[in-house]
């Protein structure tokens, strides 16, 4: 999994890449920050996660899952043959959970 974090300055509407983390080892959770950008609003950030599935079965099962079907607007298929997708969180997170725990 890799992560690109973008910041859009609300005054200039200019977008800058705060960091682009692309580890060589497999990751299950990544996050990061740039200390030069402090006291900014979360609504000015966009996080783009790139996910590479381990195999075609896992990829196909995810495409049939409620987690994906409920949130297709946040996902983009990058390479259908290499099982790569991107998940984008922007200023209006739109995730709909597949299961609500109570």
Protein backbone atom coordinates (compact mmCIF):
# COMPACT_ATOMS: atom_id res chain seq x y z
CA UNK A 1 0.00 0.00 0.00
CA UNK A 2 1.20 3.51 -0.71
CA UNK A 3 -0.08 6.91 0.39
CA UNK A 4 0.01 10.35 -1.19
CA UNK A 5 -1.11 13.26 0.98
CA UNK A 6 -2.08 16.49 -0.77
CA UNK A 7 -2.79 19.92 0.75
CA UNK A 8 -4.89 22.54 -1.02
CA UNK A 9 -4.32 26.04 0.31
CA UNK A 10 -7.79 27.60 0.64
CA UNK A 11 -6.40 31.10 0.00
CA UNK A 12 -4.59 30.33 -3.26
CA UNK A 13 -6.35 27.09 -4.26
CA UNK A 14 -2.86 25.71 -4.98
CA UNK A 15 -2.32 22.02 -4.25
CA UNK A 16 1.01 20.71 -2.97
CA UNK A 17 2.12 17.16 -2.25
CA UNK A 18 3.01 16.92 1.44
CA UNK A 19 4.46 13.47 1.00
CA UNK A 20 4.35 10.41 -1.19
CA UNK A 21 5.13 7.23 0.73
CA UNK A 22 5.68 4.11 -1.35
CA UNK A 23 7.36 1.43 0.80
CA UNK A 24 8.97 -1.64 -0.71
CA UNK A 25 7.64 -3.90 2.07
CA UNK A 26 3.95 -4.77 2.33
CA UNK A 27 1.99 -2.45 4.63
CA UNK A 28 -1.40 -2.82 6.25
CA UNK A 29 -1.60 0.70 7.71
CA UNK A 30 0.27 3.87 6.83
CA UNK A 31 -0.01 7.50 7.79
CA UNK A 32 2.21 10.54 7.84
CA UNK A 33 2.58 14.29 8.14
CA UNK A 34 4.77 17.17 7.06
CA UNK A 35 5.91 19.32 10.02
CA UNK A 36 6.17 22.38 7.74
CA UNK A 37 2.36 22.42 7.44
CA UNK A 38 0.82 22.91 10.87
CA UNK A 39 -2.57 24.17 12.02
CA UNK A 40 -4.30 23.36 8.76
CA UNK A 41 -7.85 22.12 8.42
CA UNK A 42 -8.50 18.48 7.62
CA UNK A 43 -10.95 19.69 4.97
CA UNK A 44 -7.96 21.03 3.01
CA UNK A 45 -6.29 17.60 2.83
CA UNK A 46 -6.72 14.77 0.35
CA UNK A 47 -5.29 11.32 1.07
CA UNK A 48 -4.88 8.87 -1.81
CA UNK A 49 -4.18 5.24 -0.88
CA UNK A 50 -3.02 2.82 -3.55
CA UNK A 51 -3.87 -0.80 -2.76
CA UNK A 52 -2.39 -3.81 -4.55
CA UNK A 53 -4.30 -7.00 -3.78
CA UNK A 54 -2.35 -10.24 -3.20
CA UNK A 55 -4.20 -12.26 -5.81
CA UNK A 56 -7.11 -12.19 -8.23
CA UNK A 57 -9.48 -13.98 -5.85
CA UNK A 58 -8.95 -11.35 -3.14
CA UNK A 59 -9.36 -8.57 -5.72
CA UNK A 60 -12.56 -10.06 -7.19
CA UNK A 61 -14.03 -10.73 -3.75
CA UNK A 62 -13.39 -7.12 -2.76
CA UNK A 63 -15.16 -5.87 -5.91
CA UNK A 64 -18.23 -7.89 -4.83
CA UNK A 65 -18.08 -6.73 -1.20
CA UNK A 66 -20.55 -4.30 0.34
CA UNK A 67 -17.62 -2.17 1.52
CA UNK A 68 -16.70 -1.55 -2.11
CA UNK A 69 -20.23 -1.43 -3.53
CA UNK A 70 -21.35 1.10 -0.89
CA UNK A 71 -18.35 3.35 -1.61
CA UNK A 72 -17.60 2.95 -5.33
CA UNK A 73 -17.42 6.72 -5.69
CA UNK A 74 -14.23 6.74 -3.60
CA UNK A 75 -12.47 3.93 -5.48
CA UNK A 76 -10.74 3.89 -8.82
CA UNK A 77 -9.42 0.79 -10.60
CA UNK A 78 -5.86 1.56 -11.66
CA UNK A 79 -4.85 -1.78 -13.18
CA UNK A 80 -7.41 -4.57 -13.45
CA UNK A 81 -4.77 -7.13 -14.48
CA UNK A 82 -2.37 -6.33 -11.59
CA UNK A 83 -5.24 -5.90 -9.04
CA UNK A 84 -4.39 -2.29 -8.18
CA UNK A 85 -6.96 0.23 -6.92
CA UNK A 86 -6.91 3.69 -5.35
CA UNK A 87 -9.02 4.94 -2.46
CA UNK A 88 -9.35 8.73 -2.16
CA UNK A 89 -10.33 10.57 1.02
CA UNK A 90 -10.96 14.23 0.38
CA UNK A 91 -12.71 17.03 2.26
CA UNK A 92 -16.02 15.17 2.21
CA UNK A 93 -15.42 11.55 3.30
CA UNK A 94 -18.24 9.48 1.89
CA UNK A 95 -17.63 6.06 3.41
CA UNK A 96 -20.72 4.02 4.12
CA UNK A 97 -19.96 1.06 6.37
CA UNK A 98 -21.12 -2.32 5.16
CA UNK A 99 -21.92 -3.48 8.70
CA UNK A 100 -23.05 -1.31 11.57
CA UNK A 101 -22.00 -2.66 14.96
CA UNK A 102 -24.21 -1.77 17.87
